[in-house]
N, C-alpha and C. Protein backbone atom coordinates (compact mmCIF):
# COMPACT_ATOMS: atom_id res chain seq x y z
N MET A 1 64.50 43.58 37.97
CA MET A 1 65.07 42.99 38.80
C MET A 1 66.23 41.86 38.27
N ALA A 2 66.95 41.86 39.56
CA ALA A 2 68.34 41.37 39.11
C ALA A 2 68.33 39.72 38.51
N GLU A 3 69.18 39.29 37.82
CA GLU A 3 69.32 37.81 37.27
C GLU A 3 70.06 37.39 38.52
N GLN A 4 69.47 36.07 38.81
CA GLN A 4 70.09 35.21 39.76
C GLN A 4 71.64 35.11 39.00
N PRO A 5 72.80 34.93 39.72
CA PRO A 5 73.66 34.70 39.45
C PRO A 5 74.17 33.07 39.01
N PRO A 6 74.64 33.04 37.89
CA PRO A 6 75.23 32.05 37.43
C PRO A 6 75.55 30.71 38.48
N HIS A 7 76.38 31.19 39.05
CA HIS A 7 77.29 30.45 39.96
C HIS A 7 76.49 29.72 41.01
N ARG A 8 75.30 30.32 41.24
CA ARG A 8 74.15 30.11 42.24
C ARG A 8 73.47 29.11 41.59
N SER A 9 73.21 29.00 40.23
CA SER A 9 72.45 28.03 39.44
C SER A 9 73.04 26.79 39.42
N ARG A 10 74.45 26.78 39.17
CA ARG A 10 75.33 25.62 38.81
C ARG A 10 75.43 25.24 40.36
N HIS A 11 75.42 26.04 41.59
CA HIS A 11 75.53 25.53 42.83
C HIS A 11 74.03 24.82 43.58
N TRP A 12 73.29 25.20 42.92
CA TRP A 12 72.08 24.23 43.14
C TRP A 12 71.95 23.02 42.27
N LEU A 13 72.33 23.02 40.98
CA LEU A 13 72.23 21.92 40.14
C LEU A 13 73.58 20.95 40.57
N ARG A 14 74.48 21.21 41.47
CA ARG A 14 75.57 20.14 41.85
C ARG A 14 74.95 19.55 42.67
N TRP A 15 74.32 20.23 43.85
CA TRP A 15 73.50 19.91 44.93
C TRP A 15 72.77 18.82 44.44
N LEU A 16 71.76 18.82 43.78
CA LEU A 16 70.77 18.00 43.17
C LEU A 16 71.35 16.70 42.76
N LEU A 17 72.42 16.93 41.77
CA LEU A 17 73.12 15.65 41.49
C LEU A 17 74.07 15.14 42.30
N GLU A 18 74.36 15.60 43.36
CA GLU A 18 74.75 15.01 44.60
C GLU A 18 74.17 14.22 45.45
N ILE A 19 72.62 14.79 45.32
CA ILE A 19 71.52 14.31 46.08
C ILE A 19 70.74 12.92 45.35
N THR A 20 71.21 13.00 44.35
CA THR A 20 70.53 12.03 43.08
C THR A 20 71.30 10.88 43.17
N GLY A 21 72.49 11.38 43.24
CA GLY A 21 73.56 10.00 42.84
C GLY A 21 73.62 8.95 44.42
N ALA A 22 73.37 10.01 45.65
CA ALA A 22 73.86 9.22 46.88
C ALA A 22 72.63 8.57 47.09
N CYS A 23 71.18 8.98 46.69
CA CYS A 23 70.00 8.09 46.64
C CYS A 23 70.38 6.85 45.83
N LEU A 24 70.86 6.99 44.48
CA LEU A 24 70.79 5.93 43.70
C LEU A 24 72.22 4.81 44.04
N LEU A 25 73.13 5.40 44.82
CA LEU A 25 74.15 4.58 45.53
C LEU A 25 73.83 3.61 46.60
N PHE A 26 72.89 4.22 47.55
CA PHE A 26 72.18 3.76 48.54
C PHE A 26 70.97 2.72 48.24
N LEU A 27 70.49 2.89 47.37
CA LEU A 27 69.32 1.76 46.50
C LEU A 27 70.04 0.71 45.90
N THR A 28 71.00 0.99 45.04
CA THR A 28 71.71 0.07 44.62
C THR A 28 72.55 -0.90 45.69
N ALA A 29 73.09 -0.55 46.62
CA ALA A 29 73.90 -1.06 47.70
C ALA A 29 72.61 -2.03 48.50
N ALA A 30 71.41 -1.38 48.82
CA ALA A 30 70.17 -2.21 49.38
C ALA A 30 69.90 -3.44 48.32
N VAL A 31 69.70 -3.35 47.41
CA VAL A 31 69.18 -4.29 46.52
C VAL A 31 70.33 -5.04 46.60
N VAL A 32 71.44 -5.02 45.99
CA VAL A 32 72.59 -6.04 45.92
C VAL A 32 72.66 -6.84 47.65
N THR A 33 72.82 -5.91 48.39
CA THR A 33 72.58 -6.86 50.04
C THR A 33 71.39 -7.44 50.10
N ASP A 34 70.30 -7.34 49.78
CA ASP A 34 68.85 -7.97 49.61
C ASP A 34 69.06 -9.44 48.99
N PHE A 35 69.77 -9.12 47.33
CA PHE A 35 69.94 -10.08 46.57
C PHE A 35 70.92 -11.13 47.28
N ALA A 36 72.10 -10.86 48.09
CA ALA A 36 72.80 -11.47 48.45
C ALA A 36 72.25 -12.02 49.79
N TYR A 37 71.35 -11.76 50.38
CA TYR A 37 71.00 -12.53 51.48
C TYR A 37 69.69 -13.54 51.00
N PHE A 38 69.01 -13.35 49.73
CA PHE A 38 68.26 -14.23 49.62
C PHE A 38 68.97 -15.38 48.72
N VAL A 39 69.88 -15.00 47.86
CA VAL A 39 70.89 -16.30 47.45
C VAL A 39 71.25 -16.91 49.26
N SER A 40 71.36 -16.64 50.16
CA SER A 40 72.04 -17.06 51.03
C SER A 40 70.86 -18.12 51.76
N THR A 41 69.70 -17.85 51.72
CA THR A 41 68.58 -18.15 52.12
C THR A 41 68.45 -19.56 51.49
N LEU A 42 68.51 -19.95 50.16
CA LEU A 42 68.53 -20.95 49.31
C LEU A 42 68.94 -22.20 49.96
N GLN A 43 68.34 -23.48 49.83
CA GLN A 43 69.06 -24.53 50.25
C GLN A 43 69.85 -25.22 49.58
N ALA A 44 70.99 -25.92 49.84
CA ALA A 44 72.13 -26.27 48.74
C ALA A 44 72.17 -27.90 49.02
N GLU A 45 71.06 -28.41 50.17
CA GLU A 45 71.43 -29.75 50.31
C GLU A 45 69.84 -30.46 50.51
N ALA A 46 69.98 -31.79 50.03
CA ALA A 46 68.37 -32.31 50.36
C ALA A 46 68.05 -32.14 51.81
N PRO A 47 66.96 -32.29 51.98
CA PRO A 47 66.05 -31.82 53.06
C PRO A 47 65.73 -33.18 53.66
N SER A 48 65.66 -33.37 55.21
CA SER A 48 65.47 -34.87 56.02
C SER A 48 64.17 -35.38 55.26
N PRO A 49 64.73 -36.64 54.96
CA PRO A 49 63.30 -37.45 54.41
C PRO A 49 62.10 -37.60 55.85
N THR A 50 62.33 -37.59 56.47
CA THR A 50 61.83 -38.19 57.89
C THR A 50 60.57 -37.06 57.96
N VAL A 51 60.28 -36.05 57.46
CA VAL A 51 59.06 -34.80 57.83
C VAL A 51 58.16 -35.83 57.48
N ARG A 52 56.89 -35.25 58.25
CA ARG A 52 55.52 -35.80 58.05
C ARG A 52 54.41 -34.53 58.12
N ALA A 53 53.36 -34.87 57.42
CA ALA A 53 52.39 -33.88 57.19
C ALA A 53 51.04 -34.66 57.15
N ASP A 54 49.80 -33.67 56.98
CA ASP A 54 48.81 -33.97 56.74
C ASP A 54 48.87 -34.38 55.31
N GLY A 55 49.26 -33.34 54.49
CA GLY A 55 49.43 -33.19 53.26
C GLY A 55 50.46 -33.17 52.39
N VAL A 56 50.74 -33.19 50.87
CA VAL A 56 51.86 -32.88 50.41
C VAL A 56 51.60 -31.89 48.84
N ILE A 57 52.27 -31.34 48.79
CA ILE A 57 51.94 -30.27 47.42
C ILE A 57 53.38 -30.63 46.56
N ALA A 58 53.03 -30.62 45.07
CA ALA A 58 54.26 -30.44 44.34
C ALA A 58 53.84 -29.64 43.23
N LEU A 59 54.90 -28.41 43.26
CA LEU A 59 54.11 -27.35 42.09
C LEU A 59 55.28 -27.74 40.93
N THR A 60 54.54 -27.78 40.05
CA THR A 60 54.82 -28.04 38.66
C THR A 60 56.06 -27.38 38.39
N GLY A 61 57.02 -27.46 37.65
CA GLY A 61 58.52 -26.70 36.71
C GLY A 61 59.25 -27.73 36.71
N GLY A 62 59.75 -28.93 37.24
CA GLY A 62 60.35 -29.89 37.00
C GLY A 62 60.10 -31.13 37.43
N SER A 63 60.38 -32.36 36.74
CA SER A 63 59.80 -33.54 37.03
C SER A 63 60.22 -34.22 38.37
N ASP A 64 61.74 -33.51 39.21
CA ASP A 64 61.93 -33.80 40.30
C ASP A 64 61.24 -33.18 41.27
N ARG A 65 60.64 -32.54 41.16
CA ARG A 65 59.73 -31.94 42.11
C ARG A 65 58.28 -33.17 42.15
N ILE A 66 58.10 -33.46 40.94
CA ILE A 66 56.84 -34.70 41.37
C ILE A 66 57.34 -35.98 42.03
N SER A 67 58.69 -36.54 41.37
CA SER A 67 59.40 -37.57 41.76
C SER A 67 59.31 -37.27 43.52
N GLU A 68 60.05 -36.62 43.55
CA GLU A 68 60.06 -36.17 45.27
C GLU A 68 58.97 -36.39 46.02
N ALA A 69 57.79 -35.74 45.57
CA ALA A 69 56.64 -35.28 46.34
C ALA A 69 55.91 -37.15 46.37
N PHE A 70 55.89 -37.91 44.81
CA PHE A 70 55.45 -39.16 45.41
C PHE A 70 56.38 -40.06 46.14
N ASP A 71 57.36 -39.82 46.43
CA ASP A 71 59.04 -40.49 47.15
C ASP A 71 57.90 -40.06 48.80
N LEU A 72 57.55 -38.93 49.06
CA LEU A 72 57.29 -38.67 50.50
C LEU A 72 55.56 -39.55 50.49
N LEU A 73 54.83 -39.27 49.53
CA LEU A 73 53.63 -39.94 49.79
C LEU A 73 53.85 -41.48 49.62
N THR A 74 54.32 -42.43 49.17
CA THR A 74 54.68 -43.66 49.29
C THR A 74 55.51 -44.26 50.54
N GLU A 75 55.92 -43.10 50.85
CA GLU A 75 56.61 -43.60 52.02
C GLU A 75 55.85 -43.34 53.34
N GLY A 76 54.40 -42.57 53.43
CA GLY A 76 53.74 -42.55 54.81
C GLY A 76 53.90 -41.08 55.10
N ARG A 77 54.82 -39.98 54.69
CA ARG A 77 54.83 -39.08 55.08
C ARG A 77 53.95 -38.05 54.94
N ALA A 78 52.68 -38.49 54.09
CA ALA A 78 51.44 -37.53 54.15
C ALA A 78 50.41 -38.50 53.41
N LYS A 79 49.26 -38.23 53.99
CA LYS A 79 48.17 -38.92 53.54
C LYS A 79 47.78 -38.75 52.23
N ARG A 80 47.58 -37.53 51.27
CA ARG A 80 47.33 -37.17 50.18
C ARG A 80 48.51 -36.05 49.33
N LEU A 81 48.53 -36.35 48.18
CA LEU A 81 49.16 -35.67 47.37
C LEU A 81 48.59 -34.61 46.22
N LEU A 82 48.77 -33.14 46.16
CA LEU A 82 48.01 -32.29 45.43
C LEU A 82 49.31 -32.28 44.17
N ILE A 83 49.10 -32.12 43.40
CA ILE A 83 50.27 -31.51 42.19
C ILE A 83 49.48 -30.47 41.44
N THR A 84 50.20 -29.29 41.66
CA THR A 84 49.40 -28.35 41.03
C THR A 84 50.10 -27.51 40.07
N GLY A 85 49.33 -27.11 39.02
CA GLY A 85 49.56 -26.35 38.10
C GLY A 85 50.04 -27.28 36.57
N VAL A 86 49.39 -28.25 36.93
CA VAL A 86 49.81 -29.39 35.71
C VAL A 86 48.82 -29.16 34.30
N ASN A 87 49.63 -29.00 33.01
CA ASN A 87 49.29 -28.64 31.80
C ASN A 87 48.17 -29.56 31.25
N LYS A 88 46.99 -28.61 30.76
CA LYS A 88 46.10 -29.54 30.59
C LYS A 88 46.38 -31.02 29.53
N ALA A 89 47.33 -30.91 28.86
CA ALA A 89 47.70 -31.73 28.19
C ALA A 89 48.22 -32.89 28.83
N THR A 90 49.04 -33.06 29.95
CA THR A 90 49.66 -34.00 30.81
C THR A 90 48.16 -35.06 31.32
N SER A 91 48.54 -36.36 30.93
CA SER A 91 47.62 -37.14 31.40
C SER A 91 47.83 -37.77 32.85
N PRO A 92 47.01 -38.34 33.76
CA PRO A 92 47.44 -39.50 34.87
C PRO A 92 48.22 -40.41 34.60
N GLU A 93 47.97 -40.90 33.64
CA GLU A 93 49.03 -41.73 33.39
C GLU A 93 50.41 -41.32 33.13
N ALA A 94 50.52 -40.50 32.81
CA ALA A 94 52.47 -39.88 32.45
C ALA A 94 52.45 -39.13 33.74
N LEU A 95 52.05 -38.94 34.62
CA LEU A 95 52.18 -38.18 35.90
C LEU A 95 52.53 -39.74 36.86
N SER A 96 51.60 -40.78 36.34
CA SER A 96 51.81 -42.13 37.50
C SER A 96 53.29 -42.99 37.25
N GLY A 97 54.20 -42.41 36.09
CA GLY A 97 55.34 -42.59 35.62
C GLY A 97 56.53 -42.37 36.28
N HIS A 98 56.27 -41.34 37.24
CA HIS A 98 56.87 -40.60 38.35
C HIS A 98 57.33 -41.51 39.81
N THR A 99 56.28 -42.49 39.83
CA THR A 99 56.22 -43.24 40.99
C THR A 99 56.49 -44.76 40.84
N ALA A 100 56.70 -45.74 41.30
CA ALA A 100 56.60 -47.31 41.58
C ALA A 100 55.25 -47.32 41.40
N GLY A 101 54.60 -47.12 42.54
CA GLY A 101 53.04 -47.40 42.99
C GLY A 101 52.49 -47.03 41.65
N GLY A 102 52.59 -46.57 40.39
CA GLY A 102 52.29 -46.33 39.09
C GLY A 102 50.70 -45.99 39.46
N ALA A 103 49.90 -46.22 38.54
CA ALA A 103 48.41 -45.75 38.20
C ALA A 103 47.65 -45.97 39.81
N GLU A 104 47.80 -47.03 40.42
CA GLU A 104 47.37 -47.63 41.63
C GLU A 104 47.27 -46.37 42.32
N ILE A 105 48.51 -45.61 43.04
CA ILE A 105 48.59 -44.60 44.04
C ILE A 105 48.32 -43.38 43.38
N VAL A 106 48.23 -43.14 42.25
CA VAL A 106 47.72 -41.76 41.53
C VAL A 106 45.89 -42.03 41.57
N ASP A 107 45.10 -43.01 41.52
CA ASP A 107 43.93 -43.01 41.53
C ASP A 107 43.60 -43.04 42.88
N CYS A 108 44.33 -43.26 43.73
CA CYS A 108 44.09 -43.59 45.17
C CYS A 108 44.17 -42.48 46.07
N CYS A 109 45.44 -41.85 45.79
CA CYS A 109 45.97 -40.68 46.83
C CYS A 109 46.17 -39.47 46.43
N VAL A 110 46.22 -39.04 45.14
CA VAL A 110 46.70 -37.97 44.15
C VAL A 110 45.56 -37.00 43.28
N ASP A 111 45.65 -36.06 43.97
CA ASP A 111 44.53 -34.68 43.27
C ASP A 111 45.73 -33.93 42.26
N ILE A 112 44.94 -33.92 41.05
CA ILE A 112 45.53 -33.16 40.26
C ILE A 112 44.88 -31.79 39.60
N ASP A 113 45.48 -30.32 40.01
CA ASP A 113 44.89 -29.08 39.65
C ASP A 113 45.48 -28.89 38.33
N ARG A 114 45.10 -28.55 37.41
CA ARG A 114 45.00 -28.19 36.43
C ARG A 114 44.80 -26.50 36.31
N ASN A 115 44.34 -25.76 37.19
CA ASN A 115 43.78 -24.47 37.08
C ASN A 115 44.91 -23.06 37.28
N ALA A 116 45.91 -23.72 38.20
CA ALA A 116 46.70 -22.42 38.25
C ALA A 116 47.89 -22.71 37.09
N LEU A 117 48.18 -21.04 36.75
CA LEU A 117 48.90 -20.93 35.83
C LEU A 117 50.10 -20.38 36.44
N ASN A 118 50.42 -20.13 37.85
CA ASN A 118 51.97 -19.36 38.34
C ASN A 118 51.99 -20.03 39.44
N THR A 119 52.68 -19.07 40.12
CA THR A 119 52.90 -19.52 41.86
C THR A 119 51.55 -19.12 42.65
N VAL A 120 51.31 -17.53 42.14
CA VAL A 120 49.77 -17.29 42.75
C VAL A 120 48.82 -18.03 42.83
N GLY A 121 49.07 -18.65 41.83
CA GLY A 121 47.97 -19.68 41.52
C GLY A 121 47.66 -20.86 42.00
N ASN A 122 49.10 -21.53 42.09
CA ASN A 122 49.26 -22.71 43.03
C ASN A 122 49.03 -22.49 44.22
N ALA A 123 49.07 -21.12 45.05
CA ALA A 123 49.06 -20.92 46.44
C ALA A 123 47.37 -21.07 46.53
N LEU A 124 46.53 -20.50 45.18
CA LEU A 124 45.07 -20.31 45.69
C LEU A 124 44.30 -21.59 45.56
N GLU A 125 45.34 -22.33 44.49
CA GLU A 125 44.62 -23.79 44.52
C GLU A 125 44.87 -24.64 45.77
N THR A 126 46.17 -24.50 46.21
CA THR A 126 46.57 -25.41 47.47
C THR A 126 45.58 -24.79 48.34
N ALA A 127 45.39 -23.69 48.64
CA ALA A 127 44.47 -23.30 49.49
C ALA A 127 42.93 -24.10 49.68
N ARG A 128 42.51 -23.83 48.61
CA ARG A 128 41.18 -24.60 48.28
C ARG A 128 41.29 -26.19 48.90
N TRP A 129 42.36 -26.56 47.90
CA TRP A 129 42.35 -28.03 48.76
C TRP A 129 42.84 -28.33 50.13
N VAL A 130 43.86 -27.57 50.70
CA VAL A 130 43.83 -27.95 52.25
C VAL A 130 42.52 -27.79 52.75
N HIS A 131 41.80 -26.87 52.43
CA HIS A 131 40.46 -26.44 53.07
C HIS A 131 39.30 -27.37 52.92
N ASP A 132 39.41 -27.79 51.87
CA ASP A 132 38.41 -29.14 51.19
C ASP A 132 38.68 -30.81 52.13
N LYS A 133 39.98 -30.66 52.01
CA LYS A 133 40.48 -31.98 52.96
C LYS A 133 40.53 -31.58 54.55
N GLN A 134 40.54 -30.33 54.89
CA GLN A 134 40.65 -30.07 56.33
C GLN A 134 42.18 -30.39 56.97
N PHE A 135 43.13 -30.32 55.77
CA PHE A 135 44.37 -30.37 56.68
C PHE A 135 44.87 -29.17 57.64
N LYS A 136 45.73 -29.54 58.55
CA LYS A 136 46.49 -28.58 59.16
C LYS A 136 47.54 -28.37 58.97
N SER A 137 48.54 -29.32 58.18
CA SER A 137 49.67 -29.23 57.90
C SER A 137 50.13 -29.90 56.84
N ILE A 138 51.19 -29.17 55.54
CA ILE A 138 51.40 -29.77 54.42
C ILE A 138 52.72 -29.64 53.83
N ILE A 139 53.49 -30.40 53.45
CA ILE A 139 54.88 -30.37 52.82
C ILE A 139 54.70 -29.87 51.42
N VAL A 140 55.86 -28.85 51.38
CA VAL A 140 55.62 -28.11 49.98
C VAL A 140 56.81 -28.62 49.23
N VAL A 141 56.75 -29.05 48.04
CA VAL A 141 57.90 -29.54 47.16
C VAL A 141 58.12 -28.69 46.34
N THR A 142 59.10 -27.79 45.70
CA THR A 142 59.63 -27.30 44.76
C THR A 142 61.11 -27.08 44.80
N SER A 143 61.07 -26.39 43.60
CA SER A 143 62.86 -26.38 43.41
C SER A 143 63.62 -25.12 44.53
N ASN A 144 64.64 -25.34 45.07
CA ASN A 144 65.21 -24.69 46.41
C ASN A 144 65.27 -23.24 45.56
N TYR A 145 65.38 -22.43 44.68
CA TYR A 145 65.46 -21.19 44.16
C TYR A 145 64.11 -20.58 44.14
N HIS A 146 62.63 -21.65 43.83
CA HIS A 146 61.73 -21.21 44.10
C HIS A 146 61.03 -21.09 45.15
N MET A 147 61.34 -21.97 46.45
CA MET A 147 60.84 -22.30 47.70
C MET A 147 60.60 -20.73 48.38
N PRO A 148 61.47 -19.81 48.77
CA PRO A 148 61.16 -18.77 48.96
C PRO A 148 59.89 -17.86 48.63
N ARG A 149 59.37 -17.59 47.11
CA ARG A 149 58.41 -16.89 46.67
C ARG A 149 57.34 -18.15 46.86
N SER A 150 57.35 -19.17 46.83
CA SER A 150 55.89 -20.39 47.13
C SER A 150 55.55 -20.36 48.69
N MET A 151 56.42 -19.95 49.43
CA MET A 151 56.28 -19.99 50.76
C MET A 151 55.70 -18.42 51.00
N LEU A 152 55.88 -17.52 50.51
CA LEU A 152 55.57 -16.28 50.44
C LEU A 152 54.15 -16.29 50.21
N GLU A 153 53.97 -16.93 48.92
CA GLU A 153 52.49 -16.60 48.69
C GLU A 153 51.43 -17.86 49.45
N LEU A 154 52.09 -18.90 49.81
CA LEU A 154 51.00 -19.85 50.28
C LEU A 154 50.76 -19.38 51.85
N ARG A 155 51.82 -18.68 52.30
CA ARG A 155 51.63 -18.23 53.96
C ARG A 155 50.26 -16.94 53.51
N ARG A 156 50.18 -16.35 52.63
CA ARG A 156 49.44 -15.21 52.57
C ARG A 156 48.10 -15.92 52.47
N VAL A 157 47.92 -17.32 52.02
CA VAL A 157 46.32 -17.60 52.06
C VAL A 157 45.98 -18.53 53.07
N LEU A 158 47.30 -19.33 53.55
CA LEU A 158 47.19 -20.56 54.82
C LEU A 158 47.78 -20.16 55.86
N PRO A 159 47.56 -19.03 56.37
CA PRO A 159 48.12 -18.59 57.70
C PRO A 159 47.90 -19.11 58.99
N ASP A 160 47.16 -20.15 58.77
CA ASP A 160 46.75 -21.19 60.05
C ASP A 160 47.36 -22.40 59.64
N THR A 161 47.86 -22.77 58.43
CA THR A 161 48.42 -23.92 58.35
C THR A 161 50.03 -24.09 58.51
N THR A 162 50.28 -25.32 58.90
CA THR A 162 51.52 -25.37 58.99
C THR A 162 52.34 -25.79 58.01
N LEU A 163 53.30 -25.08 57.02
CA LEU A 163 54.08 -25.21 56.13
C LEU A 163 55.26 -25.80 56.17
N ILE A 164 55.62 -27.26 55.60
CA ILE A 164 57.06 -27.79 55.85
C ILE A 164 57.66 -27.45 54.55
N ALA A 165 58.85 -26.89 54.32
CA ALA A 165 59.55 -26.94 52.88
C ALA A 165 60.40 -28.02 52.54
N TYR A 166 60.15 -28.75 51.76
CA TYR A 166 60.75 -29.40 51.12
C TYR A 166 61.49 -29.23 49.52
N PRO A 167 62.73 -28.27 49.67
CA PRO A 167 63.54 -28.22 48.60
C PRO A 167 63.97 -29.11 47.99
N VAL A 168 63.40 -29.04 46.46
CA VAL A 168 64.41 -30.00 45.48
C VAL A 168 65.87 -29.32 44.84
N ILE A 169 66.63 -29.89 45.29
CA ILE A 169 68.13 -29.32 44.59
C ILE A 169 68.30 -29.24 43.12
N SER A 170 67.95 -28.11 42.53
CA SER A 170 68.04 -28.04 41.19
C SER A 170 69.09 -28.26 40.39
N PRO A 171 69.81 -29.05 39.54
CA PRO A 171 70.85 -29.19 38.65
C PRO A 171 71.13 -28.35 38.04
N ASN A 172 70.14 -27.13 37.52
CA ASN A 172 70.81 -25.86 37.09
C ASN A 172 71.54 -25.16 37.64
N LEU A 173 71.41 -25.11 39.02
CA LEU A 173 71.81 -23.77 39.97
C LEU A 173 73.29 -24.17 40.41
N LYS A 174 74.13 -23.86 40.17
CA LYS A 174 75.18 -24.18 41.26
C LYS A 174 75.49 -23.28 42.37
N LEU A 175 75.06 -23.60 43.64
CA LEU A 175 75.33 -22.41 44.33
C LEU A 175 76.36 -22.14 45.06
N ASP A 176 77.13 -23.41 45.17
CA ASP A 176 78.38 -23.00 45.59
C ASP A 176 79.29 -21.82 44.95
N ALA A 177 79.09 -21.93 43.91
CA ALA A 177 79.98 -20.77 42.91
C ALA A 177 79.19 -20.19 41.90
N TRP A 178 77.86 -19.58 42.06
CA TRP A 178 76.80 -19.25 41.21
C TRP A 178 77.22 -18.40 40.69
N TRP A 179 78.13 -17.18 40.91
CA TRP A 179 78.70 -15.88 40.36
C TRP A 179 79.75 -16.56 39.32
N THR A 180 80.01 -17.52 38.77
CA THR A 180 81.04 -18.08 37.92
C THR A 180 80.18 -18.67 36.78
N ASP A 181 78.98 -18.93 36.78
CA ASP A 181 77.81 -19.40 35.85
C ASP A 181 76.85 -18.57 35.49
N PRO A 182 76.98 -18.17 34.38
CA PRO A 182 75.99 -17.23 33.47
C PRO A 182 74.65 -18.00 33.91
N ASN A 183 74.34 -19.08 33.48
CA ASN A 183 72.98 -19.88 33.84
C ASN A 183 72.28 -19.48 35.47
N SER A 184 73.25 -19.76 36.23
CA SER A 184 72.98 -19.88 37.62
C SER A 184 72.55 -18.11 37.74
N ILE A 185 73.40 -17.27 37.41
CA ILE A 185 73.45 -15.73 37.52
C ILE A 185 72.19 -15.61 36.86
N ARG A 186 71.49 -15.69 35.92
CA ARG A 186 70.42 -15.68 34.97
C ARG A 186 68.87 -16.07 36.05
N LEU A 187 69.35 -17.19 36.57
CA LEU A 187 68.14 -17.73 37.49
C LEU A 187 67.73 -17.31 38.66
N LEU A 188 69.07 -16.84 39.12
CA LEU A 188 69.06 -16.26 40.57
C LEU A 188 68.47 -15.30 40.36
N VAL A 189 68.78 -14.01 39.31
CA VAL A 189 68.29 -12.72 39.04
C VAL A 189 67.08 -12.67 38.95
N SER A 190 66.79 -13.56 37.64
CA SER A 190 65.09 -13.65 37.68
C SER A 190 64.24 -13.77 38.50
N GLU A 191 64.77 -15.23 39.45
CA GLU A 191 63.97 -15.59 40.78
C GLU A 191 63.88 -14.50 41.51
N TYR A 192 64.83 -13.66 41.84
CA TYR A 192 64.60 -12.88 42.99
C TYR A 192 63.85 -11.33 42.59
N VAL A 193 64.10 -10.95 40.98
CA VAL A 193 63.03 -10.10 41.07
C VAL A 193 61.57 -10.43 41.08
N LYS A 194 61.50 -11.93 40.77
CA LYS A 194 59.95 -12.19 40.84
C LYS A 194 59.56 -12.22 42.41
N TYR A 195 60.46 -12.63 43.36
CA TYR A 195 59.98 -12.41 44.55
C TYR A 195 60.03 -11.14 45.34
N ALA A 196 61.00 -10.06 44.85
CA ALA A 196 61.14 -9.15 45.30
C ALA A 196 59.35 -8.51 44.56
N SER A 197 58.66 -8.89 43.72
CA SER A 197 57.61 -8.16 43.32
C SER A 197 56.57 -8.76 44.13
N ALA A 198 56.96 -10.09 44.14
CA ALA A 198 55.60 -10.90 44.87
C ALA A 198 55.31 -10.57 46.21
N THR A 199 56.78 -9.82 47.34
CA THR A 199 56.91 -9.22 48.02
C THR A 199 56.07 -8.01 48.23
N PHE A 200 56.04 -6.96 47.48
CA PHE A 200 55.27 -5.68 47.13
C PHE A 200 53.88 -6.35 47.02
N GLY A 201 53.21 -7.37 46.21
CA GLY A 201 52.26 -7.77 46.03
C GLY A 201 51.80 -7.27 44.35
N VAL A 202 52.74 -7.05 43.97
CA VAL A 202 52.65 -6.93 42.36
C VAL A 202 52.24 -8.25 41.75
N ARG A 203 51.36 -8.18 40.82
CA ARG A 203 50.66 -8.93 39.86
C ARG A 203 50.65 -8.69 38.65
N VAL A 204 51.34 -9.35 37.72
CA VAL A 204 51.32 -8.72 36.34
C VAL A 204 50.62 -9.83 35.36
N GLU A 205 50.45 -11.07 36.05
CA GLU A 205 49.98 -12.15 35.19
C GLU A 205 48.56 -12.94 35.66
N ARG A 206 47.65 -13.24 34.84
CA ARG A 206 46.38 -14.02 35.37
C ARG A 206 47.27 -15.29 36.04
N SER A 207 46.38 -15.52 37.52
CA SER A 207 46.85 -16.84 38.35
C SER A 207 46.52 -18.09 37.99
N THR A 208 45.14 -17.96 37.44
CA THR A 208 44.27 -18.97 37.08
C THR A 208 43.36 -19.15 35.93
N PHE A 209 43.28 -19.95 34.99
CA PHE A 209 42.77 -20.53 34.06
C PHE A 209 41.27 -19.73 34.43
N GLU A 210 40.48 -20.53 35.78
CA GLU A 210 39.12 -20.00 36.31
C GLU A 210 39.53 -19.29 37.62
N ARG A 211 38.38 -18.30 37.83
CA ARG A 211 38.83 -17.28 38.84
C ARG A 211 38.40 -18.34 40.03
N VAL A 212 39.29 -18.01 41.08
CA VAL A 212 39.35 -18.71 42.30
C VAL A 212 39.17 -17.87 43.64
N ALA A 213 38.21 -17.84 44.64
CA ALA A 213 38.13 -17.01 45.41
C ALA A 213 39.26 -17.42 46.54
N ARG A 214 39.99 -16.21 46.97
CA ARG A 214 40.98 -16.31 47.73
C ARG A 214 40.70 -16.66 49.12
N ALA A 215 41.39 -17.83 49.61
CA ALA A 215 40.97 -18.31 50.59
C ALA A 215 41.87 -17.65 51.81
N GLU A 216 41.05 -17.37 53.07
CA GLU A 216 41.75 -16.90 54.05
C GLU A 216 41.40 -17.12 55.30
């Protein structure tokens, strides 16, 4: 049997490399475009303080988130507040320091979740709280860069609840010129990777200390 001419093997190898390169180029362009869109959706200005809902939730991860949520509660924008993902070592007294109402408002109108370990856990605990309180609408308070992923996870478990985004403008994120700030780049890339993973339902961490039934 005659051997395959060397030039024919090189032709197939070149063709394979060209196809692979084109696919990688297309994939890179798609990721860059999606990342740019993700950044463009992040709110750079404080939201209107006139929003109202049955309840308000604060996802831990920054003291400003809790303070903003307390402000909404004390201004009568919601009936109750859930602070989800609170460290087990954090006392109610420490949380009351975020509001002028102090311990009185914490005792009256605040629920504390210590079970959630991450954003998925926050969503599960929020869903349980919403169903228990029979709320139809909630204000979601978290950092602006964290809001897309938070809303994604919340919509999965609360499809019939009105979710109102109330993003807190993070001082660590310079949205107007993020490409010039290494810290902003790292923060955005890290959050985008987590958001993209959440979009495809990738779960790499345990969501709660104790198992929580998924609320549908």
